[in-house]
Protein backbone atom coordinates (compact mmCIF):
# COMPACT_ATOMS: atom_id res chain seq x y z
CA MET A 1 -58.07 7.85 -93.20
CA THR A 2 -54.80 9.62 -94.01
CA HIS A 3 -56.03 12.70 -92.18
CA TRP A 4 -56.92 10.56 -89.11
CA ARG A 5 -53.43 8.97 -89.10
CA MET A 6 -51.74 12.36 -89.28
CA SER A 7 -53.86 13.60 -86.39
CA ALA A 8 -52.99 10.55 -84.31
CA ARG A 9 -49.30 10.99 -85.01
CA THR A 10 -49.56 14.65 -84.11
CA ALA A 11 -51.33 13.80 -80.87
CA ILE A 12 -48.69 11.21 -80.00
CA GLY A 13 -45.97 13.74 -80.76
CA ILE A 14 -47.62 16.31 -78.52
CA VAL A 15 -47.93 13.79 -75.69
CA LEU A 16 -44.29 12.76 -76.04
CA ALA A 17 -43.12 16.37 -76.20
CA GLY A 18 -45.21 17.23 -73.15
CA GLY A 19 -43.75 14.28 -71.27
CA LEU A 20 -40.23 15.37 -72.19
CA VAL A 21 -40.88 18.94 -71.05
CA THR A 22 -42.41 17.67 -67.81
CA ALA A 23 -39.41 15.40 -67.18
CA LEU A 24 -36.98 18.24 -67.84
CA LEU A 25 -38.90 20.57 -65.55
CA TRP A 26 -38.97 17.89 -62.85
CA GLN A 27 -35.21 17.47 -63.13
CA ARG A 28 -34.35 21.16 -63.37
CA THR A 29 -36.70 22.25 -60.58
CA ALA A 30 -35.91 19.45 -58.11
CA GLY A 31 -39.33 17.86 -58.41
CA PHE A 32 -41.15 21.16 -59.12
CA SER A 33 -39.97 22.56 -55.78
CA ALA A 34 -37.45 25.07 -57.16
CA PHE A 35 -38.34 27.64 -59.78
CA THR A 36 -35.38 29.99 -59.39
CA TYR A 37 -31.71 29.15 -59.70
CA GLU A 38 -30.99 30.07 -56.07
CA THR A 39 -33.89 27.97 -54.82
CA TRP A 40 -32.72 25.09 -57.00
CA ARG A 41 -29.20 25.32 -55.48
CA ARG A 42 -30.63 25.19 -51.96
CA VAL A 43 -32.94 22.27 -52.67
CA ASP A 44 -30.18 20.37 -54.49
CA VAL A 45 -27.69 20.72 -51.62
CA ALA A 46 -30.34 19.90 -49.02
CA ARG A 47 -31.07 16.73 -50.95
CA GLU A 48 -27.42 15.72 -51.28
CA PRO A 49 -24.46 17.60 -49.69
CA ALA A 50 -21.76 18.55 -52.20
CA PRO A 51 -18.03 17.99 -51.72
CA VAL A 52 -15.77 21.05 -51.84
CA SER A 53 -12.00 21.04 -52.22
CA ASP A 54 -9.60 22.37 -49.59
CA TRP A 55 -9.66 25.98 -50.79
CA ARG A 56 -6.40 27.84 -50.28
CA LEU A 57 -7.10 31.36 -49.02
CA GLN A 58 -5.19 34.46 -47.94
CA ASN A 59 -6.71 36.13 -44.90
CA ALA A 60 -6.78 39.77 -43.83
CA GLN A 61 -3.51 39.28 -41.93
CA GLY A 62 -1.79 38.12 -45.14
CA ASP A 63 -1.52 34.51 -43.93
CA LEU A 64 -2.34 31.53 -46.14
CA VAL A 65 -4.99 29.19 -44.74
CA ARG A 66 -7.11 26.32 -46.04
CA LEU A 67 -10.65 25.24 -45.30
CA SER A 68 -9.23 22.27 -43.41
CA HIS A 69 -7.88 24.79 -40.88
CA TRP A 70 -11.46 24.79 -39.52
CA ASN A 71 -12.05 21.03 -39.57
CA ASP A 72 -14.69 20.03 -37.03
CA GLU A 73 -16.12 23.55 -37.15
CA THR A 74 -19.06 24.65 -39.25
CA LEU A 75 -18.15 27.46 -41.63
CA LEU A 76 -20.82 29.98 -42.56
CA VAL A 77 -19.44 31.26 -45.86
CA GLY A 78 -20.60 34.42 -47.60
CA PHE A 79 -19.12 35.72 -50.85
CA ILE A 80 -18.39 39.45 -51.03
CA TYR A 81 -16.16 42.09 -52.59
CA THR A 82 -15.12 45.07 -50.54
CA SER A 83 -16.07 47.81 -53.02
CA CYS A 84 -19.64 46.50 -53.31
CA PRO A 85 -22.01 49.30 -52.25
CA SER A 86 -25.11 47.20 -51.63
CA VAL A 87 -25.52 43.54 -50.73
CA CYS A 88 -21.97 43.12 -49.38
CA VAL A 89 -22.58 45.96 -46.94
CA ALA A 90 -25.77 44.22 -45.83
CA LEU A 91 -23.90 40.92 -45.49
CA GLY A 92 -21.25 42.63 -43.36
CA SER A 93 -23.94 44.01 -41.08
CA ARG A 94 -25.55 40.60 -40.88
CA TYR A 95 -22.25 38.99 -39.90
CA GLN A 96 -21.83 41.68 -37.24
CA GLN A 97 -25.18 40.60 -35.78
CA LEU A 98 -24.26 36.91 -36.04
CA GLN A 99 -21.01 37.56 -34.18
CA ARG A 100 -23.05 38.77 -31.24
CA THR A 101 -24.99 35.51 -31.39
CA LEU A 102 -21.72 33.55 -31.35
CA GLN A 103 -20.39 35.57 -28.44
CA ALA A 104 -23.57 34.87 -26.49
CA ASP A 105 -23.14 31.13 -27.03
CA PRO A 106 -19.48 30.12 -26.60
CA SER A 107 -20.44 26.46 -27.15
CA SER A 108 -21.31 27.12 -30.81
CA ASP A 109 -18.83 25.62 -33.27
CA VAL A 110 -19.79 27.99 -36.12
CA HIS A 111 -17.09 30.21 -37.64
CA LEU A 112 -17.93 33.11 -39.98
CA LEU A 113 -16.00 33.28 -43.25
CA SER A 114 -16.33 36.03 -45.87
CA ILE A 115 -14.50 35.33 -49.14
CA SER A 116 -13.85 37.96 -51.79
CA ILE A 117 -14.80 37.23 -55.40
CA ASP A 118 -12.56 40.15 -56.48
CA PRO A 119 -9.11 38.96 -55.29
CA ASP A 120 -7.16 41.17 -57.70
CA ARG A 121 -8.41 44.33 -56.00
CA ASP A 122 -9.20 43.06 -52.52
CA THR A 123 -5.83 43.14 -50.79
CA PRO A 124 -5.41 41.87 -47.22
CA GLN A 125 -5.52 45.50 -46.08
CA GLN A 126 -8.87 46.07 -47.78
CA LEU A 127 -10.22 42.83 -46.34
CA ALA A 128 -9.17 43.94 -42.85
CA GLU A 129 -10.84 47.31 -43.39
CA TYR A 130 -14.07 45.61 -44.50
CA ARG A 131 -14.17 43.62 -41.27
CA ARG A 132 -13.24 46.67 -39.20
CA ARG A 133 -16.13 48.66 -40.70
CA HIS A 134 -18.47 46.01 -39.37
CA ALA A 135 -16.81 45.72 -35.97
CA GLY A 136 -15.69 42.19 -36.80
CA ARG A 137 -13.48 40.14 -34.51
CA GLN A 138 -10.72 38.02 -35.97
CA SER A 139 -11.38 35.21 -33.50
CA SER A 140 -14.80 34.30 -34.92
CA TRP A 141 -14.88 36.02 -38.32
CA THR A 142 -12.27 35.44 -41.03
CA VAL A 143 -12.23 37.64 -44.13
CA ALA A 144 -10.14 36.23 -46.96
CA ARG A 145 -9.57 36.03 -50.68
CA PRO A 146 -8.74 33.07 -52.97
CA ALA A 147 -4.98 32.53 -53.10
CA ASP A 148 -5.09 32.23 -56.90
CA GLU A 149 -7.43 32.17 -59.88
CA GLN A 150 -7.79 28.39 -59.79
CA VAL A 151 -9.18 28.54 -56.25
CA LEU A 152 -11.72 31.17 -57.33
CA ASP A 153 -12.78 28.95 -60.24
CA ASP A 154 -13.08 25.94 -57.91
CA MET A 155 -15.23 27.87 -55.43
CA ILE A 156 -17.63 29.04 -58.13
CA ARG A 157 -17.89 25.60 -59.70
CA GLU A 158 -18.23 23.62 -56.47
CA THR A 159 -20.87 25.86 -54.90
CA GLY A 160 -22.76 26.73 -58.09
CA LEU A 161 -22.25 30.40 -57.28
CA ARG A 162 -23.14 32.82 -60.07
CA VAL A 163 -20.75 35.76 -60.45
CA ILE A 164 -21.57 38.15 -63.31
CA PRO A 165 -19.55 41.33 -64.06
CA ASP A 166 -21.94 44.30 -64.01
CA GLN A 167 -20.02 46.45 -66.54
CA LEU A 168 -19.40 49.02 -63.78
CA GLY A 169 -16.35 47.36 -62.29
CA GLY A 170 -18.41 45.29 -59.87
CA PHE A 171 -20.29 42.02 -59.84
CA SER A 172 -23.79 40.66 -59.52
CA HIS A 173 -23.66 37.61 -57.27
CA SER A 174 -25.62 35.52 -54.83
CA ASP A 175 -26.17 36.82 -51.31
CA SER A 176 -26.85 33.32 -49.97
CA LEU A 177 -24.87 31.84 -47.09
CA HIS A 178 -23.10 28.51 -47.51
CA TRP A 179 -22.73 26.03 -44.63
CA ILE A 180 -19.54 23.98 -45.00
CA ARG A 181 -18.16 21.36 -42.64
CA ASN A 182 -15.27 18.93 -43.13
CA GLY A 183 -15.13 19.42 -46.89
CA GLU A 184 -18.86 19.26 -47.58
CA LEU A 185 -21.37 21.94 -48.54
CA LEU A 186 -24.28 20.99 -46.27
CA ARG A 187 -26.75 23.82 -46.64
CA ILE A 188 -27.39 27.07 -48.50
CA SER A 189 -29.55 29.56 -46.64
CA ASP A 190 -30.88 33.06 -47.04
CA TRP A 191 -28.91 35.66 -45.06
CA ARG A 192 -32.23 37.22 -44.06
CA ASP A 193 -33.55 33.95 -42.62
CA PRO A 194 -35.14 34.85 -39.24
CA GLU A 195 -34.11 31.42 -37.94
CA LEU A 196 -30.42 31.99 -38.70
CA GLU A 197 -29.43 32.85 -35.12
CA LYS A 198 -31.13 29.68 -33.87
CA MET A 199 -29.44 27.65 -36.59
CA ILE A 200 -26.07 28.97 -35.42
CA THR A 201 -26.65 28.16 -31.78
CA ASP A 202 -28.00 24.70 -32.69
CA GLY A 203 -25.09 24.01 -35.07
CA SER A 204 -25.34 22.79 -38.68
């Protein structure tokens, strides 16, 4: 009888533990639909847009601007650093392509914004050079850096961006694109998304 009671208790414990694990997985994976951190971020934002503060930035011309400068426009925000030899080069090339899409559709209200995650080293001159390398036009593509450390912290916290020093003087970070409008993060998309040009011409 004692052995039966212990077995029943064990079974109940296993069921409860399994239920707890299932509940945690449901919560952490947005209903089992997100099994990577980046996918989870995208699903979470798609489910409920996230507020972002009015980030204070310094652009490639050395001027201070805020996100509210582009109120009533949709910002397509990518995070880069100018000495990055890999994904940031690819992102620059992608923005070059997207600029052509914007130029072909003057009615689009999308503005491209690249923000450095390495503001100590990315001076306005280096930001301008990054855009120049990718034939960027100031009118539809702003390259900027956080005006101070607090802004960088706010950006990382509010978007859920992961920025990890790689021990080589660079960073591992997300290559996702962030759609922001009037102080809200509305969407996170893959920069390789084949539908991206259509999304730009259709708006956010």
